[in-house]
Amino acid sequence: MVPFCEVIIVCQGPLNAQTNVHTFLFGPRAAVSIGRYTPFAQALFGIAHTGASGTGFSNSDTFFATVLGGGVDFRLAGTIGWRVQADQLQTHFFSNSQNNFRFSTGPVIRF
């Protein structure tokens, strides 16, 4: 007679992971109006916080962050405009440097 062995692997359910980064930045912005266009450059400084959690783990870190970049606002009519912006966000989480390029565009309402 041959002995019978059965291996049962217990799974805790689906694996999941979630990460987020929040930045709190401030600093100068220089802008010059040229007709309907307003190009600008900015240097922002502050803190960034990241958190990561998932099945069986959780970790977070907070560190100094900088943003250097610029863009242009295009006046469409009156106080309404359109912005195109690009910048470089630099952080240093978990003893590693991160350099992230950011691009954004959208409406601008001036008061």
PDB file of N, CA and C in Angstrom:
ATOM      1  N   MET A   1       0.827  -1.168   0.000  1.00  0.00           N
ATOM      2  CA  MET A   1       0.000   0.000   0.000  1.00  0.00           C
ATOM      3  C   MET A   1       0.880   1.243   0.000  1.00  0.00           C
ATOM      4  N   VAL A   2       0.542   2.216  -0.835  1.00  0.00           N
ATOM      5  CA  VAL A   2       1.302   3.458  -0.964  1.00  0.00           C
ATOM      6  C   VAL A   2       0.625   4.530  -0.120  1.00  0.00           C
ATOM      7  N   PRO A   3       1.393   5.210   0.787  1.00  0.00           N
ATOM      8  CA  PRO A   3       0.762   6.265   1.588  1.00  0.00           C
ATOM      9  C   PRO A   3       0.356   7.446   0.709  1.00  0.00           C
ATOM     10  N   PHE A   4      -0.695   8.087   1.094  1.00  0.00           N
ATOM     11  CA  PHE A   4      -1.240   9.215   0.335  1.00  0.00           C
ATOM     12  C   PHE A   4      -1.018  10.505   1.128  1.00  0.00           C
ATOM     13  N   CYS A   5      -0.428  11.512   0.490  1.00  0.00           N
ATOM     14  CA  CYS A   5      -0.217  12.805   1.121  1.00  0.00           C
ATOM     15  C   CYS A   5      -0.937  13.874   0.316  1.00  0.00           C
ATOM     16  N   GLU A   6      -1.507  14.805   1.024  1.00  0.00           N
ATOM     17  CA  GLU A   6      -2.185  15.914   0.352  1.00  0.00           C
ATOM     18  C   GLU A   6      -1.685  17.217   0.970  1.00  0.00           C
ATOM     19  N   VAL A   7      -1.327  18.158   0.120  1.00  0.00           N
ATOM     20  CA  VAL A   7      -0.868  19.473   0.567  1.00  0.00           C
ATOM     21  C   VAL A   7      -1.958  20.488   0.250  1.00  0.00           C
ATOM     22  N   ILE A   8      -2.369  21.219   1.259  1.00  0.00           N
ATOM     23  CA  ILE A   8      -3.388  22.245   1.074  1.00  0.00           C
ATOM     24  C   ILE A   8      -2.745  23.591   1.378  1.00  0.00           C
ATOM     25  N   ILE A   9      -2.772  24.481   0.407  1.00  0.00           N
ATOM     26  CA  ILE A   9      -2.221  25.828   0.576  1.00  0.00           C
ATOM     27  C   ILE A   9      -3.377  26.755   0.930  1.00  0.00           C
ATOM     28  N   VAL A  10      -3.252  27.420   2.057  1.00  0.00           N
ATOM     29  CA  VAL A  10      -4.305  28.329   2.506  1.00  0.00           C
ATOM     30  C   VAL A  10      -3.985  29.731   1.981  1.00  0.00           C
ATOM     31  N   CYS A  11      -4.899  30.279   1.257  1.00  0.00           N
ATOM     32  CA  CYS A  11      -4.726  31.625   0.698  1.00  0.00           C
ATOM     33  C   CYS A  11      -5.615  32.585   1.476  1.00  0.00           C
ATOM     34  N   GLN A  12      -5.079  33.741   1.833  1.00  0.00           N
ATOM     35  CA  GLN A  12      -5.814  34.726   2.612  1.00  0.00           C
ATOM     36  C   GLN A  12      -6.797  35.539   1.766  1.00  0.00           C
ATOM     37  N   GLY A  13      -6.936  35.235   0.545  1.00  0.00           N
ATOM     38  CA  GLY A  13      -7.815  36.010  -0.327  1.00  0.00           C
ATOM     39  C   GLY A  13      -6.992  36.777  -1.339  1.00  0.00           C
ATOM     40  N   PRO A  14      -7.632  37.678  -2.071  1.00  0.00           N
ATOM     41  CA  PRO A  14      -6.890  38.417  -3.101  1.00  0.00           C
ATOM     42  C   PRO A  14      -5.837  39.337  -2.476  1.00  0.00           C
ATOM     43  N   LEU A  15      -4.714  39.426  -3.148  1.00  0.00           N
ATOM     44  CA  LEU A  15      -3.659  40.335  -2.716  1.00  0.00           C
ATOM     45  C   LEU A  15      -3.994  41.734  -3.217  1.00  0.00           C
ATOM     46  N   ASN A  16      -3.658  42.733  -2.417  1.00  0.00           N
ATOM     47  CA  ASN A  16      -3.882  44.103  -2.851  1.00  0.00           C
ATOM     48  C   ASN A  16      -2.763  44.986  -2.347  1.00  0.00           C
ATOM     49  N   ALA A  17      -2.597  46.114  -3.006  1.00  0.00           N
ATOM     50  CA  ALA A  17      -1.587  47.097  -2.599  1.00  0.00           C
ATOM     51  C   ALA A  17      -2.101  48.481  -2.971  1.00  0.00           C
ATOM     52  N   GLN A  18      -1.761  49.452  -2.142  1.00  0.00           N
ATOM     53  CA  GLN A  18      -2.174  50.829  -2.391  1.00  0.00           C
ATOM     54  C   GLN A  18      -1.039  51.754  -1.988  1.00  0.00           C
ATOM     55  N   THR A  19      -0.736  52.732  -2.844  1.00  0.00           N
ATOM     56  CA  THR A  19       0.285  53.729  -2.531  1.00  0.00           C
ATOM     57  C   THR A  19      -0.271  55.119  -2.808  1.00  0.00           C
ATOM     58  N   ASN A  20       0.278  56.111  -2.125  1.00  0.00           N
ATOM     59  CA  ASN A  20      -0.098  57.491  -2.387  1.00  0.00           C
ATOM     60  C   ASN A  20       1.056  58.404  -2.022  1.00  0.00           C
ATOM     61  N   VAL A  21       1.083  59.567  -2.657  1.00  0.00           N
ATOM     62  CA  VAL A  21       2.073  60.604  -2.370  1.00  0.00           C
ATOM     63  C   VAL A  21       1.329  61.928  -2.268  1.00  0.00           C
ATOM     64  N   HIS A  22       1.562  62.652  -1.174  1.00  0.00           N
ATOM     65  CA  HIS A  22       0.988  63.984  -0.982  1.00  0.00           C
ATOM     66  C   HIS A  22       2.133  64.977  -0.846  1.00  0.00           C
ATOM     67  N   THR A  23       2.055  66.081  -1.579  1.00  0.00           N
ATOM     68  CA  THR A  23       3.087  67.115  -1.483  1.00  0.00           C
ATOM     69  C   THR A  23       2.467  68.392  -0.938  1.00  0.00           C
ATOM     70  N   PHE A  24       3.234  69.098  -0.120  1.00  0.00           N
ATOM     71  CA  PHE A  24       2.849  70.386   0.444  1.00  0.00           C
ATOM     72  C   PHE A  24       3.996  71.346   0.122  1.00  0.00           C
ATOM     73  N   LEU A  25       3.805  72.167  -0.927  1.00  0.00           N
ATOM     74  CA  LEU A  25       4.894  72.975  -1.483  1.00  0.00           C
ATOM     75  C   LEU A  25       4.512  74.450  -1.551  1.00  0.00           C
ATOM     76  N   PHE A  26       5.511  75.318  -1.439  1.00  0.00           N
ATOM     77  CA  PHE A  26       5.304  76.740  -1.614  1.00  0.00           C
ATOM     78  C   PHE A  26       6.585  77.344  -2.151  1.00  0.00           C
ATOM     79  N   GLY A  27       6.476  78.534  -2.756  1.00  0.00           N
ATOM     80  CA  GLY A  27       7.662  79.199  -3.259  1.00  0.00           C
ATOM     81  C   GLY A  27       7.325  80.245  -4.289  1.00  0.00           C
ATOM     82  N   PRO A  28       8.355  80.874  -4.842  1.00  0.00           N
ATOM     83  CA  PRO A  28       8.143  81.983  -5.774  1.00  0.00           C
ATOM     84  C   PRO A  28       7.794  81.518  -7.189  1.00  0.00           C
ATOM     85  N   ARG A  29       7.006  82.369  -7.851  1.00  0.00           N
ATOM     86  CA  ARG A  29       6.704  82.185  -9.274  1.00  0.00           C
ATOM     87  C   ARG A  29       6.930  83.524  -9.953  1.00  0.00           C
ATOM     88  N   ALA A  30       7.696  83.540 -11.023  1.00  0.00           N
ATOM     89  CA  ALA A  30       7.942  84.755 -11.801  1.00  0.00           C
ATOM     90  C   ALA A  30       7.187  84.635 -13.120  1.00  0.00           C
ATOM     91  N   ALA A  31       6.448  85.675 -13.478  1.00  0.00           N
ATOM     92  CA  ALA A  31       5.648  85.660 -14.700  1.00  0.00           C
ATOM     93  C   ALA A  31       5.722  87.017 -15.384  1.00  0.00           C
ATOM     94  N   VAL A  32       5.610  86.999 -16.715  1.00  0.00           N
ATOM     95  CA  VAL A  32       5.611  88.223 -17.526  1.00  0.00           C
ATOM     96  C   VAL A  32       4.508  88.083 -18.566  1.00  0.00           C
ATOM     97  N   SER A  33       3.619  89.082 -18.657  1.00  0.00           N
ATOM     98  CA  SER A  33       2.556  89.055 -19.665  1.00  0.00           C
ATOM     99  C   SER A  33       3.077  89.597 -20.989  1.00  0.00           C
ATOM    100  N   ILE A  34       2.830  88.841 -22.042  1.00  0.00           N
ATOM    101  CA  ILE A  34       3.207  89.240 -23.396  1.00  0.00           C
ATOM    102  C   ILE A  34       1.964  89.049 -24.260  1.00  0.00           C
ATOM    103  N   GLY A  35       1.174  90.095 -24.384  1.00  0.00           N
ATOM    104  CA  GLY A  35      -0.087  89.982 -25.116  1.00  0.00           C
ATOM    105  C   GLY A  35      -1.025  89.018 -24.399  1.00  0.00           C
ATOM    106  N   ARG A  36      -1.485  88.007 -25.109  1.00  0.00           N
ATOM    107  CA  ARG A  36      -2.393  87.008 -24.536  1.00  0.00           C
ATOM    108  C   ARG A  36      -1.657  85.899 -23.785  1.00  0.00           C
ATOM    109  N   TYR A  37      -0.334  85.890 -23.864  1.00  0.00           N
ATOM    110  CA  TYR A  37       0.464  84.833 -23.235  1.00  0.00           C
ATOM    111  C   TYR A  37       1.111  85.336 -21.948  1.00  0.00           C
ATOM    112  N   THR A  38       1.194  84.457 -20.949  1.00  0.00           N
ATOM    113  CA  THR A  38       1.900  84.766 -19.710  1.00  0.00           C
ATOM    114  C   THR A  38       2.796  83.589 -19.364  1.00  0.00           C
ATOM    115  N   PRO A  39       4.041  83.584 -19.829  1.00  0.00           N
ATOM    116  CA  PRO A  39       4.965  82.524 -19.441  1.00  0.00           C
ATOM    117  C   PRO A  39       5.393  82.707 -17.986  1.00  0.00           C
ATOM    118  N   PHE A  40       5.676  81.606 -17.309  1.00  0.00           N
ATOM    119  CA  PHE A  40       6.099  81.684 -15.913  1.00  0.00           C
ATOM    120  C   PHE A  40       7.105  80.585 -15.603  1.00  0.00           C
ATOM    121  N   ALA A  41       7.884  80.837 -14.560  1.00  0.00           N
ATOM    122  CA  ALA A  41       8.829  79.856 -14.020  1.00  0.00           C
ATOM    123  C   ALA A  41       8.615  79.835 -12.511  1.00  0.00           C
ATOM    124  N   GLN A  42       8.809  78.667 -11.894  1.00  0.00           N
ATOM    125  CA  GLN A  42       8.589  78.559 -10.455  1.00  0.00           C
ATOM    126  C   GLN A  42       9.600  77.624  -9.808  1.00  0.00           C
ATOM    127  N   ALA A  43       9.836  77.869  -8.523  1.00  0.00           N
ATOM    128  CA  ALA A  43      10.673  77.013  -7.688  1.00  0.00           C
ATOM    129  C   ALA A  43       9.907  76.799  -6.388  1.00  0.00           C
ATOM    130  N   LEU A  44       9.459  75.595  -6.151  1.00  0.00           N
ATOM    131  CA  LEU A  44       8.646  75.285  -4.983  1.00  0.00           C
ATOM    132  C   LEU A  44       9.419  74.370  -4.036  1.00  0.00           C
ATOM    133  N   PHE A  45       9.202  74.560  -2.737  1.00  0.00           N
ATOM    134  CA  PHE A  45       9.898  73.779  -1.712  1.00  0.00           C
ATOM    135  C   PHE A  45       8.895  73.392  -0.646  1.00  0.00           C
ATOM    136  N   GLY A  46       9.108  72.252  -0.025  1.00  0.00           N
ATOM    137  CA  GLY A  46       8.209  71.816   1.045  1.00  0.00           C
ATOM    138  C   GLY A  46       8.475  70.381   1.432  1.00  0.00           C
ATOM    139  N   ILE A  47       7.396  69.679   1.787  1.00  0.00           N
ATOM    140  CA  ILE A  47       7.532  68.281   2.191  1.00  0.00           C
ATOM    141  C   ILE A  47       6.649  67.398   1.320  1.00  0.00           C
ATOM    142  N   ALA A  48       7.022  66.144   1.249  1.00  0.00           N
ATOM    143  CA  ALA A  48       6.235  65.129   0.562  1.00  0.00           C
ATOM    144  C   ALA A  48       6.087  63.950   1.505  1.00  0.00           C
ATOM    145  N   HIS A  49       4.909  63.354   1.495  1.00  0.00           N
ATOM    146  CA  HIS A  49       4.630  62.195   2.343  1.00  0.00           C
ATOM    147  C   HIS A  49       4.117  61.074   1.451  1.00  0.00           C
ATOM    148  N   THR A  50       4.649  59.877   1.644  1.00  0.00           N
ATOM    149  CA  THR A  50       4.172  58.719   0.906  1.00  0.00           C
ATOM    150  C   THR A  50       3.755  57.636   1.878  1.00  0.00           C
ATOM    151  N   GLY A  51       2.794  56.868   1.457  1.00  0.00           N
ATOM    152  CA  GLY A  51       2.334  55.737   2.243  1.00  0.00           C
ATOM    153  C   GLY A  51       2.068  54.562   1.319  1.00  0.00           C
ATOM    154  N   ALA A  52       2.408  53.388   1.778  1.00  0.00           N
ATOM    155  CA  ALA A  52       2.160  52.172   1.005  1.00  0.00           C
ATOM    156  C   ALA A  52       1.604  51.118   1.950  1.00  0.00           C
ATOM    157  N   SER A  53       0.581  50.438   1.515  1.00  0.00           N
ATOM    158  CA  SER A  53       0.019  49.372   2.329  1.00  0.00           C
ATOM    159  C   SER A  53      -0.530  48.295   1.411  1.00  0.00           C
ATOM    160  N   GLY A  54      -0.639  47.130   1.948  1.00  0.00           N
ATOM    161  CA  GLY A  54      -1.157  46.015   1.185  1.00  0.00           C
ATOM    162  C   GLY A  54      -1.408  44.851   2.105  1.00  0.00           C
ATOM    163  N   THR A  55      -1.591  43.705   1.526  1.00  0.00           N
ATOM    164  CA  THR A  55      -1.856  42.506   2.290  1.00  0.00           C
ATOM    165  C   THR A  55      -0.645  42.172   3.146  1.00  0.00           C
ATOM    166  N   GLY A  56      -0.750  42.418   4.436  1.00  0.00           N
ATOM    167  CA  GLY A  56       0.306  42.047   5.369  1.00  0.00           C
ATOM    168  C   GLY A  56       1.416  43.061   5.562  1.00  0.00           C
ATOM    169  N   PHE A  57       1.342  44.273   4.967  1.00  0.00           N
ATOM    170  CA  PHE A  57       2.409  45.246   5.187  1.00  0.00           C
ATOM    171  C   PHE A  57       1.856  46.668   5.151  1.00  0.00           C
ATOM    172  N   SER A  58       2.606  47.567   5.749  1.00  0.00           N
ATOM    173  CA  SER A  58       2.285  48.989   5.727  1.00  0.00           C
ATOM    174  C   SER A  58       3.562  49.763   6.011  1.00  0.00           C
ATOM    175  N   ASN A  59       3.808  50.854   5.267  1.00  0.00           N
ATOM    176  CA  ASN A  59       5.017  51.641   5.448  1.00  0.00           C
ATOM    177  C   ASN A  59       4.759  53.060   4.979  1.00  0.00           C
ATOM    178  N   SER A  60       5.437  54.042   5.587  1.00  0.00           N
ATOM    179  CA  SER A  60       5.293  55.437   5.158  1.00  0.00           C
ATOM    180  C   SER A  60       6.600  56.174   5.414  1.00  0.00           C
ATOM    181  N   ASP A  61       6.732  57.340   4.738  1.00  0.00           N
ATOM    182  CA  ASP A  61       7.934  58.157   4.898  1.00  0.00           C
ATOM    183  C   ASP A  61       7.580  59.598   4.540  1.00  0.00           C
ATOM    184  N   THR A  62       8.261  60.549   5.169  1.00  0.00           N
ATOM    185  CA  THR A  62       8.093  61.969   4.894  1.00  0.00           C
ATOM    186  C   THR A  62       9.475  62.569   4.689  1.00  0.00           C
ATOM    187  N   PHE A  63       9.618  63.431   3.658  1.00  0.00           N
ATOM    188  CA  PHE A  63      10.919  63.996   3.358  1.00  0.00           C
ATOM    189  C   PHE A  63      10.743  65.329   2.644  1.00  0.00           C
ATOM    190  N   PHE A  64      11.817  66.099   2.572  1.00  0.00           N
ATOM    191  CA  PHE A  64      11.868  67.377   1.868  1.00  0.00           C
ATOM    192  C   PHE A  64      11.650  67.148   0.374  1.00  0.00           C
ATOM    193  N   ALA A  65      10.915  68.051  -0.289  1.00  0.00           N
ATOM    194  CA  ALA A  65      10.656  67.930  -1.723  1.00  0.00           C
ATOM    195  C   ALA A  65      10.891  69.275  -2.408  1.00  0.00           C
ATOM    196  N   THR A  66      11.297  69.219  -3.658  1.00  0.00           N
ATOM    197  CA  THR A  66      11.473  70.421  -4.467  1.00  0.00           C
ATOM    198  C   THR A  66      10.814  70.229  -5.829  1.00  0.00           C
ATOM    199  N   VAL A  67      10.360  71.330  -6.392  1.00  0.00           N
ATOM    200  CA  VAL A  67       9.795  71.329  -7.740  1.00  0.00           C
ATOM    201  C   VAL A  67      10.385  72.519  -8.485  1.00  0.00           C
ATOM    202  N   LEU A  68      10.943  72.264  -9.655  1.00  0.00           N
ATOM    203  CA  LEU A  68      11.427  73.317 -10.549  1.00  0.00           C
ATOM    204  C   LEU A  68      10.714  73.134 -11.881  1.00  0.00           C
ATOM    205  N   GLY A  69      10.168  74.220 -12.408  1.00  0.00           N
ATOM    206  CA  GLY A  69       9.470  74.088 -13.680  1.00  0.00           C
ATOM    207  C   GLY A  69       8.889  75.403 -14.140  1.00  0.00           C
ATOM    208  N   GLY A  70       7.980  75.297 -15.079  1.00  0.00           N
ATOM    209  CA  GLY A  70       7.350  76.484 -15.624  1.00  0.00           C
ATOM    210  C   GLY A  70       6.276  76.123 -16.621  1.00  0.00           C
ATOM    211  N   GLY A  71       5.747  77.142 -17.241  1.00  0.00           N
ATOM    212  CA  GLY A  71       4.686  76.914 -18.211  1.00  0.00           C
ATOM    213  C   GLY A  71       4.239  78.213 -18.819  1.00  0.00           C
ATOM    214  N   VAL A  72       3.054  78.174 -19.392  1.00  0.00           N
ATOM    215  CA  VAL A  72       2.494  79.355 -20.028  1.00  0.00           C
ATOM    216  C   VAL A  72       0.971  79.339 -19.863  1.00  0.00           C
ATOM    217  N   ASP A  73       0.424  80.523 -19.569  1.00  0.00           N
ATOM    218  CA  ASP A  73      -1.024  80.722 -19.550  1.00  0.00           C
ATOM    219  C   ASP A  73      -1.414  81.458 -20.820  1.00  0.00           C
ATOM    220  N   PHE A  74      -2.477  81.015 -21.468  1.00  0.00           N
ATOM    221  CA  PHE A  74      -2.993  81.673 -22.664  1.00  0.00           C
ATOM    222  C   PHE A  74      -4.376  82.228 -22.332  1.00  0.00           C
ATOM    223  N   ARG A  75      -4.528  83.550 -22.397  1.00  0.00           N
ATOM    224  CA  ARG A  75      -5.818  84.184 -22.088  1.00  0.00           C
ATOM    225  C   ARG A  75      -6.785  83.947 -23.234  1.00  0.00           C
ATOM    226  N   LEU A  76      -7.925  83.321 -22.911  1.00  0.00           N
ATOM    227  CA  LEU A  76      -8.945  83.049 -23.923  1.00  0.00           C
ATOM    228  C   LEU A  76      -9.921  84.213 -24.035  1.00  0.00           C
ATOM    229  N   ALA A  77     -10.482  84.640 -22.888  1.00  0.00           N
ATOM    230  CA  ALA A  77     -11.435  85.754 -22.872  1.00  0.00           C
ATOM    231  C   ALA A  77     -11.570  86.267 -21.451  1.00  0.00           C
ATOM    232  N   GLY A  78     -11.391  87.559 -21.253  1.00  0.00           N
ATOM    233  CA  GLY A  78     -11.564  88.157 -19.927  1.00  0.00           C
ATOM    234  C   GLY A  78     -10.676  87.509 -18.879  1.00  0.00           C
ATOM    235  N   THR A  79     -11.299  86.852 -17.897  1.00  0.00           N
ATOM    236  CA  THR A  79     -10.547  86.219 -16.808  1.00  0.00           C
ATOM    237  C   THR A  79     -10.327  84.726 -17.028  1.00  0.00           C
ATOM    238  N   ILE A  80     -10.736  84.207 -18.178  1.00  0.00           N
ATOM    239  CA  ILE A  80     -10.612  82.771 -18.477  1.00  0.00           C
ATOM    240  C   ILE A  80      -9.382  82.529 -19.337  1.00  0.00           C
ATOM    241  N   GLY A  81      -8.607  81.506 -18.990  1.00  0.00           N
ATOM    242  CA  GLY A  81      -7.415  81.158 -19.758  1.00  0.00           C
ATOM    243  C   GLY A  81      -7.181  79.661 -19.778  1.00  0.00           C
ATOM    244  N   TRP A  82      -6.113  79.262 -20.419  1.00  0.00           N
ATOM    245  CA  TRP A  82      -5.704  77.855 -20.495  1.00  0.00           C
ATOM    246  C   TRP A  82      -4.234  77.767 -20.114  1.00  0.00           C
ATOM    247  N   ARG A  83      -3.875  76.821 -19.252  1.00  0.00           N
ATOM    248  CA  ARG A  83      -2.505  76.671 -18.772  1.00  0.00           C
ATOM    249  C   ARG A  83      -1.901  75.357 -19.275  1.00  0.00           C
ATOM    250  N   VAL A  84      -0.630  75.443 -19.675  1.00  0.00           N
ATOM    251  CA  VAL A  84       0.204  74.274 -19.977  1.00  0.00           C
ATOM    252  C   VAL A  84       1.434  74.394 -19.085  1.00  0.00           C
ATOM    253  N   GLN A  85       1.733  73.345 -18.325  1.00  0.00           N
ATOM    254  CA  GLN A  85       2.796  73.421 -17.321  1.00  0.00           C
ATOM    255  C   GLN A  85       3.572  72.113 -17.278  1.00  0.00           C
ATOM    256  N   ALA A  86       4.887  72.205 -17.050  1.00  0.00           N
ATOM    257  CA  ALA A  86       5.738  71.026 -16.875  1.00  0.00           C
ATOM    258  C   ALA A  86       6.739  71.326 -15.761  1.00  0.00           C
ATOM    259  N   ASP A  87       7.031  70.314 -14.959  1.00  0.00           N
ATOM    260  CA  ASP A  87       8.014  70.506 -13.898  1.00  0.00           C
ATOM    261  C   ASP A  87       8.632  69.179 -13.479  1.00  0.00           C
ATOM    262  N   GLN A  88       9.628  69.297 -12.633  1.00  0.00           N
ATOM    263  CA  GLN A  88      10.377  68.144 -12.121  1.00  0.00           C
ATOM    264  C   GLN A  88      10.201  68.105 -10.600  1.00  0.00           C
ATOM    265  N   LEU A  89       9.582  67.052 -10.084  1.00  0.00           N
ATOM    266  CA  LEU A  89       9.398  66.856  -8.645  1.00  0.00           C
ATOM    267  C   LEU A  89      10.496  65.930  -8.146  1.00  0.00           C
ATOM    268  N   GLN A  90      11.270  66.401  -7.179  1.00  0.00           N
ATOM    269  CA  GLN A  90      12.331  65.571  -6.607  1.00  0.00           C
ATOM    270  C   GLN A  90      12.019  65.285  -5.140  1.00  0.00           C
ATOM    271  N   THR A  91      12.019  63.992  -4.779  1.00  0.00           N
ATOM    272  CA  THR A  91      11.804  63.548  -3.399  1.00  0.00           C
ATOM    273  C   THR A  91      12.901  62.552  -3.040  1.00  0.00           C
ATOM    274  N   HIS A  92      12.890  62.112  -1.792  1.00  0.00           N
ATOM    275  CA  HIS A  92      13.913  61.169  -1.326  1.00  0.00           C
ATOM    276  C   HIS A  92      13.265  60.240  -0.284  1.00  0.00           C
ATOM    277  N   PHE A  93      12.464  59.279  -0.757  1.00  0.00           N
ATOM    278  CA  PHE A  93      11.765  58.367   0.137  1.00  0.00           C
ATOM    279  C   PHE A  93      12.560  57.082   0.342  1.00  0.00           C
ATOM    280  N   PHE A  94      12.532  56.578   1.563  1.00  0.00           N
ATOM    281  CA  PHE A  94      13.133  55.292   1.903  1.00  0.00           C
ATOM    282  C   PHE A  94      14.594  55.199   1.443  1.00  0.00           C
ATOM    283  N   SER A  95      15.345  56.281   1.650  1.00  0.00           N
ATOM    284  CA  SER A  95      16.778  56.369   1.322  1.00  0.00           C
ATOM    285  C   SER A  95      17.070  56.260  -0.165  1.00  0.00           C
ATOM    286  N   ASN A  96      16.099  56.548  -1.015  1.00  0.00           N
ATOM    287  CA  ASN A  96      16.294  56.540  -2.468  1.00  0.00           C
ATOM    288  C   ASN A  96      15.732  57.830  -3.051  1.00  0.00           C
ATOM    289  N   SER A  97      16.453  58.417  -4.004  1.00  0.00           N
ATOM    290  CA  SER A  97      15.977  59.638  -4.662  1.00  0.00           C
ATOM    291  C   SER A  97      15.002  59.296  -5.775  1.00  0.00           C
ATOM    292  N   GLN A  98      13.966  60.112  -5.895  1.00  0.00           N
ATOM    293  CA  GLN A  98      13.012  59.974  -6.986  1.00  0.00           C
ATOM    294  C   GLN A  98      12.961  61.302  -7.732  1.00  0.00           C
ATOM    295  N   ASN A  99      13.036  61.246  -9.047  1.00  0.00           N
ATOM    296  CA  ASN A  99      12.892  62.417  -9.902  1.00  0.00           C
ATOM    297  C   ASN A  99      11.734  62.139 -10.844  1.00  0.00           C
ATOM    298  N   ASN A 100      10.651  62.881 -10.682  1.00  0.00           N
ATOM    299  CA  ASN A 100       9.437  62.625 -11.448  1.00  0.00           C
ATOM    300  C   ASN A 100       9.076  63.827 -12.304  1.00  0.00           C
ATOM    301  N   PHE A 101       8.932  63.594 -13.591  1.00  0.00           N
ATOM    302  CA  PHE A 101       8.487  64.624 -14.521  1.00  0.00           C
ATOM    303  C   PHE A 101       6.969  64.712 -14.429  1.00  0.00           C
ATOM    304  N   ARG A 102       6.452  65.929 -14.344  1.00  0.00           N
ATOM    305  CA  ARG A 102       5.002  66.130 -14.296  1.00  0.00           C
ATOM    306  C   ARG A 102       4.593  67.084 -15.413  1.00  0.00           C
ATOM    307  N   PHE A 103       3.499  66.778 -16.061  1.00  0.00           N
ATOM    308  CA  PHE A 103       2.924  67.629 -17.099  1.00  0.00           C
ATOM    309  C   PHE A 103       1.451  67.818 -16.769  1.00  0.00           C
ATOM    310  N   SER A 104       0.982  69.066 -16.844  1.00  0.00           N
ATOM    311  CA  SER A 104      -0.433  69.304 -16.586  1.00  0.00           C
ATOM    312  C   SER A 104      -0.950  70.396 -17.505  1.00  0.00           C
ATOM    313  N   THR A 105      -2.238  70.355 -17.751  1.00  0.00           N
ATOM    314  CA  THR A 105      -2.901  71.361 -18.564  1.00  0.00           C
ATOM    315  C   THR A 105      -4.339  71.480 -18.090  1.00  0.00           C
ATOM    316  N   GLY A 106      -4.908  72.653 -18.248  1.00  0.00           N
ATOM    317  CA  GLY A 106      -6.291  72.848 -17.833  1.00  0.00           C
ATOM    318  C   GLY A 106      -6.676  74.307 -17.804  1.00  0.00           C
ATOM    319  N   PRO A 107      -7.954  74.566 -17.480  1.00  0.00           N
ATOM    320  CA  PRO A 107      -8.456  75.935 -17.468  1.00  0.00           C
ATOM    321  C   PRO A 107      -7.903  76.737 -16.296  1.00  0.00           C
ATOM    322  N   VAL A 108      -7.835  78.067 -16.480  1.00  0.00           N
ATOM    323  CA  VAL A 108      -7.384  79.004 -15.454  1.00  0.00           C
ATOM    324  C   VAL A 108      -8.436  80.102 -15.348  1.00  0.00           C
ATOM    325  N   ILE A 109      -8.824  80.411 -14.106  1.00  0.00           N
ATOM    326  CA  ILE A 109      -9.733  81.527 -13.848  1.00  0.00           C
ATOM    327  C   ILE A 109      -8.985  82.526 -12.983  1.00  0.00           C
ATOM    328  N   ARG A 110      -8.820  83.728 -13.488  1.00  0.00           N
ATOM    329  CA  ARG A 110      -8.088  84.774 -12.748  1.00  0.00           C
ATOM    330  C   ARG A 110      -9.081  85.685 -12.047  1.00  0.00           C
ATOM    331  N   PHE A 111      -8.745  86.047 -10.816  1.00  0.00           N
ATOM    332  CA  PHE A 111      -9.591  86.942 -10.026  1.00  0.00           C
ATOM    333  C   PHE A 111      -8.955  88.303  -9.936  1.00  0.00           C
TER     334      PHE A 111
END
